Amino acid sequence: MVEISRIERSVGNERFSRGVYGDRELAELRERRAESYAGAFCAKEAFSKAIGTGIRGFKLTEVQLLHDELGAPYLHLSGNAQQIAMSKGFVNFSVSISHTADLATAIVIGEKG
């Protein structure tokens, strides 16, 4: 869970944005409001907890929150994030994002195969 205002202040900093959000993710987020940036940030933290590592061993940009043609959120993994998830036996992740006027939150459930 994160305060939307905290992320809203940070995304104005290009260094922060490029260090947290991947290219495809940024392309989607540029058309959205601050709560979407905050939700994507929360999804990255929730992913790190679902795989049991915390945010270490991979870059945040390697975990991108994207949306399918119906608007459903999904995680796109690359680099070390993908390798760590695979090495731990994860084959799929489900993600849910929600927000109030002030807070954003996300839940990620990892499925092993």
N, C-alpha and C. Protein backbone atom coordinates (compact mmCIF):
# COMPACT_ATOMS: atom_id res chain seq x y z
N MET A 1 0.85 -1.16 0.00
CA MET A 1 0.00 0.00 0.00
C MET A 1 0.90 1.23 0.00
N VAL A 2 0.52 2.25 -0.77
CA VAL A 2 1.33 3.46 -0.85
C VAL A 2 0.42 4.68 -0.97
N GLU A 3 0.88 5.78 -0.44
CA GLU A 3 0.14 7.03 -0.58
C GLU A 3 0.30 7.53 -2.02
N ILE A 4 -0.82 7.79 -2.66
CA ILE A 4 -0.80 8.24 -4.05
C ILE A 4 -0.04 9.54 -4.19
N SER A 5 -0.19 10.45 -3.25
CA SER A 5 0.48 11.75 -3.33
C SER A 5 2.00 11.60 -3.33
N ARG A 6 2.50 10.60 -2.61
CA ARG A 6 3.96 10.36 -2.56
C ARG A 6 4.47 9.95 -3.94
N ILE A 7 3.76 9.06 -4.61
CA ILE A 7 4.16 8.62 -5.94
C ILE A 7 3.95 9.75 -6.95
N GLU A 8 2.87 10.50 -6.80
CA GLU A 8 2.60 11.61 -7.71
C GLU A 8 3.74 12.63 -7.70
N ARG A 9 4.28 12.91 -6.53
CA ARG A 9 5.42 13.84 -6.44
C ARG A 9 6.67 13.24 -7.09
N SER A 10 6.85 11.94 -6.96
CA SER A 10 8.05 11.28 -7.45
C SER A 10 8.08 11.08 -8.95
N VAL A 11 6.93 10.84 -9.59
CA VAL A 11 6.94 10.53 -11.02
C VAL A 11 7.33 11.73 -11.87
N GLY A 12 7.30 12.92 -11.31
CA GLY A 12 7.79 14.09 -12.03
C GLY A 12 9.29 14.06 -12.22
N ASN A 13 9.97 13.25 -11.44
CA ASN A 13 11.42 13.09 -11.52
C ASN A 13 11.71 11.97 -12.53
N GLU A 14 12.31 12.31 -13.65
CA GLU A 14 12.59 11.34 -14.71
C GLU A 14 13.46 10.18 -14.22
N ARG A 15 14.40 10.46 -13.34
CA ARG A 15 15.28 9.41 -12.80
C ARG A 15 14.46 8.38 -12.01
N PHE A 16 13.53 8.86 -11.21
CA PHE A 16 12.66 7.96 -10.47
C PHE A 16 11.83 7.12 -11.44
N SER A 17 11.16 7.76 -12.37
CA SER A 17 10.28 7.05 -13.31
C SER A 17 11.03 6.00 -14.10
N ARG A 18 12.20 6.33 -14.61
CA ARG A 18 12.99 5.39 -15.40
C ARG A 18 13.60 4.27 -14.55
N GLY A 19 13.74 4.51 -13.26
CA GLY A 19 14.27 3.48 -12.37
C GLY A 19 13.21 2.54 -11.83
N VAL A 20 11.93 2.92 -11.96
CA VAL A 20 10.84 2.13 -11.40
C VAL A 20 9.98 1.47 -12.48
N TYR A 21 9.68 2.21 -13.53
CA TYR A 21 8.72 1.74 -14.54
C TYR A 21 9.42 1.38 -15.85
N GLY A 22 9.01 0.26 -16.46
CA GLY A 22 9.56 -0.17 -17.74
C GLY A 22 8.96 0.65 -18.88
N ASP A 23 9.55 0.52 -20.06
CA ASP A 23 9.13 1.31 -21.22
C ASP A 23 7.67 1.09 -21.60
N ARG A 24 7.25 -0.17 -21.70
CA ARG A 24 5.85 -0.46 -22.07
C ARG A 24 4.91 0.05 -20.99
N GLU A 25 5.31 -0.10 -19.76
CA GLU A 25 4.51 0.35 -18.63
C GLU A 25 4.36 1.87 -18.66
N LEU A 26 5.45 2.57 -18.89
CA LEU A 26 5.39 4.04 -18.97
C LEU A 26 4.50 4.51 -20.11
N ALA A 27 4.53 3.79 -21.23
CA ALA A 27 3.67 4.16 -22.36
C ALA A 27 2.20 4.08 -21.95
N GLU A 28 1.83 3.07 -21.18
CA GLU A 28 0.45 2.97 -20.69
C GLU A 28 0.16 4.03 -19.63
N LEU A 29 1.09 4.21 -18.71
CA LEU A 29 0.85 5.12 -17.59
C LEU A 29 0.75 6.57 -18.00
N ARG A 30 1.42 6.97 -19.05
CA ARG A 30 1.39 8.37 -19.47
C ARG A 30 -0.03 8.83 -19.82
N GLU A 31 -0.91 7.88 -20.10
CA GLU A 31 -2.30 8.20 -20.42
C GLU A 31 -3.21 8.10 -19.19
N ARG A 32 -2.63 7.85 -18.04
CA ARG A 32 -3.42 7.60 -16.82
C ARG A 32 -3.09 8.62 -15.73
N ARG A 33 -3.84 8.52 -14.64
CA ARG A 33 -3.67 9.44 -13.52
C ARG A 33 -2.71 8.86 -12.47
N ALA A 34 -2.42 9.65 -11.45
CA ALA A 34 -1.43 9.30 -10.43
C ALA A 34 -1.73 7.98 -9.73
N GLU A 35 -2.99 7.67 -9.50
CA GLU A 35 -3.30 6.42 -8.79
C GLU A 35 -2.86 5.19 -9.59
N SER A 36 -2.78 5.30 -10.90
CA SER A 36 -2.30 4.18 -11.72
C SER A 36 -0.81 3.96 -11.52
N TYR A 37 -0.04 5.05 -11.43
CA TYR A 37 1.39 4.94 -11.14
C TYR A 37 1.59 4.29 -9.77
N ALA A 38 0.79 4.72 -8.80
CA ALA A 38 0.89 4.18 -7.45
C ALA A 38 0.51 2.70 -7.42
N GLY A 39 -0.54 2.33 -8.15
CA GLY A 39 -0.95 0.93 -8.21
C GLY A 39 0.13 0.06 -8.83
N ALA A 40 0.77 0.56 -9.88
CA ALA A 40 1.86 -0.19 -10.52
C ALA A 40 3.02 -0.37 -9.56
N PHE A 41 3.34 0.67 -8.79
CA PHE A 41 4.40 0.57 -7.80
C PHE A 41 4.05 -0.50 -6.77
N CYS A 42 2.81 -0.50 -6.30
CA CYS A 42 2.38 -1.50 -5.32
C CYS A 42 2.46 -2.91 -5.88
N ALA A 43 2.12 -3.07 -7.15
CA ALA A 43 2.17 -4.40 -7.78
C ALA A 43 3.60 -4.94 -7.78
N LYS A 44 4.57 -4.07 -7.98
CA LYS A 44 5.97 -4.49 -7.96
C LYS A 44 6.37 -4.98 -6.57
N GLU A 45 5.97 -4.24 -5.55
CA GLU A 45 6.25 -4.67 -4.17
C GLU A 45 5.53 -5.96 -3.84
N ALA A 46 4.28 -6.10 -4.27
CA ALA A 46 3.52 -7.32 -4.00
C ALA A 46 4.14 -8.52 -4.71
N PHE A 47 4.63 -8.32 -5.93
CA PHE A 47 5.34 -9.38 -6.65
C PHE A 47 6.56 -9.83 -5.85
N SER A 48 7.33 -8.88 -5.36
CA SER A 48 8.55 -9.23 -4.62
C SER A 48 8.24 -10.05 -3.37
N LYS A 49 7.11 -9.77 -2.76
CA LYS A 49 6.70 -10.54 -1.58
C LYS A 49 6.15 -11.90 -1.97
N ALA A 50 5.46 -11.97 -3.11
CA ALA A 50 4.91 -13.24 -3.57
C ALA A 50 6.02 -14.24 -3.89
N ILE A 51 7.14 -13.76 -4.43
CA ILE A 51 8.24 -14.68 -4.75
C ILE A 51 9.19 -14.88 -3.56
N GLY A 52 8.99 -14.11 -2.50
CA GLY A 52 9.73 -14.33 -1.26
C GLY A 52 11.11 -13.71 -1.20
N THR A 53 11.41 -12.77 -2.07
CA THR A 53 12.75 -12.17 -2.05
C THR A 53 12.77 -10.75 -1.52
N GLY A 54 11.63 -10.09 -1.49
CA GLY A 54 11.65 -8.65 -1.29
C GLY A 54 12.24 -8.04 -2.55
N ILE A 55 12.41 -6.74 -2.55
CA ILE A 55 12.93 -6.08 -3.74
C ILE A 55 14.45 -6.16 -3.71
N ARG A 56 14.94 -7.33 -4.13
CA ARG A 56 16.39 -7.53 -4.28
C ARG A 56 16.62 -8.61 -5.32
N GLY A 57 17.72 -8.46 -6.03
CA GLY A 57 18.07 -9.44 -7.04
C GLY A 57 17.51 -9.14 -8.42
N PHE A 58 16.66 -8.11 -8.51
CA PHE A 58 16.09 -7.71 -9.80
C PHE A 58 15.80 -6.21 -9.77
N LYS A 59 15.64 -5.65 -10.95
CA LYS A 59 15.30 -4.23 -11.07
C LYS A 59 13.78 -4.09 -11.11
N LEU A 60 13.27 -3.03 -10.54
CA LEU A 60 11.83 -2.78 -10.57
C LEU A 60 11.30 -2.69 -12.00
N THR A 61 12.13 -2.20 -12.91
CA THR A 61 11.71 -2.08 -14.31
C THR A 61 11.50 -3.44 -14.98
N GLU A 62 11.99 -4.52 -14.35
CA GLU A 62 11.82 -5.86 -14.89
C GLU A 62 10.46 -6.46 -14.56
N VAL A 63 9.70 -5.77 -13.74
CA VAL A 63 8.34 -6.17 -13.39
C VAL A 63 7.42 -5.05 -13.87
N GLN A 64 6.73 -5.28 -14.98
CA GLN A 64 5.85 -4.25 -15.53
C GLN A 64 4.39 -4.64 -15.37
N LEU A 65 3.62 -3.71 -14.86
CA LEU A 65 2.18 -3.91 -14.76
C LEU A 65 1.55 -3.39 -16.05
N LEU A 66 0.99 -4.29 -16.83
CA LEU A 66 0.36 -3.93 -18.10
C LEU A 66 -1.11 -4.34 -18.05
N HIS A 67 -1.85 -4.00 -19.10
CA HIS A 67 -3.27 -4.33 -19.16
C HIS A 67 -3.60 -4.97 -20.50
N ASP A 68 -4.46 -6.00 -20.45
CA ASP A 68 -4.86 -6.66 -21.70
C ASP A 68 -5.93 -5.82 -22.41
N GLU A 69 -6.44 -6.34 -23.52
CA GLU A 69 -7.39 -5.59 -24.34
C GLU A 69 -8.69 -5.26 -23.62
N LEU A 70 -9.01 -6.00 -22.56
CA LEU A 70 -10.21 -5.71 -21.77
C LEU A 70 -9.91 -4.86 -20.54
N GLY A 71 -8.64 -4.50 -20.37
CA GLY A 71 -8.25 -3.66 -19.24
C GLY A 71 -7.80 -4.42 -18.00
N ALA A 72 -7.78 -5.75 -18.08
CA ALA A 72 -7.36 -6.54 -16.92
C ALA A 72 -5.84 -6.42 -16.72
N PRO A 73 -5.41 -6.19 -15.49
CA PRO A 73 -3.98 -6.05 -15.24
C PRO A 73 -3.27 -7.40 -15.25
N TYR A 74 -2.01 -7.37 -15.71
CA TYR A 74 -1.16 -8.56 -15.65
C TYR A 74 0.28 -8.10 -15.51
N LEU A 75 1.12 -9.01 -15.02
CA LEU A 75 2.55 -8.71 -14.87
C LEU A 75 3.32 -9.25 -16.06
N HIS A 76 4.18 -8.41 -16.59
CA HIS A 76 5.12 -8.83 -17.64
C HIS A 76 6.51 -8.80 -17.00
N LEU A 77 7.14 -9.98 -16.95
CA LEU A 77 8.45 -10.10 -16.30
C LEU A 77 9.54 -10.23 -17.34
N SER A 78 10.72 -9.73 -16.98
CA SER A 78 11.90 -9.88 -17.83
C SER A 78 13.13 -9.97 -16.94
N GLY A 79 14.27 -10.24 -17.55
CA GLY A 79 15.55 -10.22 -16.84
C GLY A 79 15.58 -11.09 -15.60
N ASN A 80 16.23 -10.58 -14.56
CA ASN A 80 16.38 -11.33 -13.32
C ASN A 80 15.05 -11.62 -12.64
N ALA A 81 14.08 -10.71 -12.75
CA ALA A 81 12.78 -10.95 -12.13
C ALA A 81 12.15 -12.22 -12.70
N GLN A 82 12.23 -12.37 -14.01
CA GLN A 82 11.69 -13.55 -14.66
C GLN A 82 12.48 -14.80 -14.26
N GLN A 83 13.79 -14.69 -14.23
CA GLN A 83 14.63 -15.84 -13.87
C GLN A 83 14.39 -16.29 -12.43
N ILE A 84 14.28 -15.35 -11.52
CA ILE A 84 14.02 -15.70 -10.12
C ILE A 84 12.67 -16.38 -9.98
N ALA A 85 11.65 -15.82 -10.61
CA ALA A 85 10.31 -16.41 -10.54
C ALA A 85 10.31 -17.83 -11.09
N MET A 86 10.97 -18.03 -12.23
CA MET A 86 11.04 -19.36 -12.84
C MET A 86 11.82 -20.33 -11.95
N SER A 87 12.93 -19.87 -11.37
CA SER A 87 13.74 -20.75 -10.53
C SER A 87 13.00 -21.19 -9.28
N LYS A 88 12.03 -20.41 -8.86
CA LYS A 88 11.23 -20.75 -7.68
C LYS A 88 9.97 -21.53 -8.07
N GLY A 89 9.81 -21.83 -9.37
CA GLY A 89 8.72 -22.67 -9.81
C GLY A 89 7.42 -21.94 -10.16
N PHE A 90 7.46 -20.62 -10.21
CA PHE A 90 6.25 -19.87 -10.54
C PHE A 90 6.00 -19.90 -12.05
N VAL A 91 4.75 -20.17 -12.42
CA VAL A 91 4.40 -20.21 -13.84
C VAL A 91 3.43 -19.11 -14.23
N ASN A 92 2.76 -18.52 -13.25
CA ASN A 92 1.79 -17.46 -13.54
C ASN A 92 1.58 -16.61 -12.30
N PHE A 93 1.19 -15.37 -12.53
CA PHE A 93 0.88 -14.46 -11.43
C PHE A 93 -0.46 -13.79 -11.72
N SER A 94 -1.29 -13.73 -10.70
CA SER A 94 -2.54 -12.98 -10.78
C SER A 94 -2.34 -11.71 -9.97
N VAL A 95 -2.89 -10.61 -10.47
CA VAL A 95 -2.70 -9.32 -9.80
C VAL A 95 -4.02 -8.58 -9.71
N SER A 96 -4.24 -7.96 -8.57
CA SER A 96 -5.42 -7.12 -8.36
C SER A 96 -4.95 -5.80 -7.77
N ILE A 97 -5.49 -4.72 -8.28
CA ILE A 97 -5.10 -3.38 -7.86
C ILE A 97 -6.34 -2.61 -7.45
N SER A 98 -6.22 -1.81 -6.42
CA SER A 98 -7.33 -0.99 -5.98
C SER A 98 -6.79 0.31 -5.40
N HIS A 99 -7.66 1.30 -5.30
CA HIS A 99 -7.23 2.57 -4.69
C HIS A 99 -8.42 3.32 -4.13
N THR A 100 -8.12 4.18 -3.17
CA THR A 100 -9.07 5.16 -2.66
C THR A 100 -8.58 6.51 -3.18
N ALA A 101 -9.11 7.57 -2.65
CA ALA A 101 -8.64 8.90 -3.04
C ALA A 101 -7.19 9.13 -2.61
N ASP A 102 -6.76 8.44 -1.55
CA ASP A 102 -5.44 8.70 -0.96
C ASP A 102 -4.44 7.56 -1.09
N LEU A 103 -4.93 6.32 -1.14
CA LEU A 103 -4.04 5.16 -1.09
C LEU A 103 -4.27 4.22 -2.26
N ALA A 104 -3.19 3.57 -2.67
CA ALA A 104 -3.27 2.51 -3.69
C ALA A 104 -2.72 1.24 -3.06
N THR A 105 -3.23 0.11 -3.54
CA THR A 105 -2.78 -1.18 -3.03
C THR A 105 -2.82 -2.21 -4.15
N ALA A 106 -2.08 -3.27 -3.99
CA ALA A 106 -2.08 -4.36 -4.96
C ALA A 106 -1.83 -5.68 -4.24
N ILE A 107 -2.40 -6.72 -4.81
CA ILE A 107 -2.18 -8.08 -4.33
C ILE A 107 -1.70 -8.90 -5.52
N VAL A 108 -0.65 -9.67 -5.31
CA VAL A 108 -0.13 -10.56 -6.34
C VAL A 108 -0.11 -11.98 -5.77
N ILE A 109 -0.69 -12.90 -6.52
CA ILE A 109 -0.70 -14.30 -6.14
C ILE A 109 0.09 -15.07 -7.19
N GLY A 110 1.11 -15.78 -6.74
CA GLY A 110 1.93 -16.57 -7.64
C GLY A 110 1.46 -18.01 -7.68
N GLU A 111 1.35 -18.56 -8.88
CA GLU A 111 0.95 -19.95 -9.06
C GLU A 111 2.17 -20.76 -9.49
N LYS A 112 2.36 -21.88 -8.80
CA LYS A 112 3.47 -22.77 -9.15
C LYS A 112 2.95 -23.91 -10.01
N GLY A 113 3.82 -24.35 -10.92
CA GLY A 113 3.37 -25.41 -11.82
C GLY A 113 4.23 -26.63 -11.77
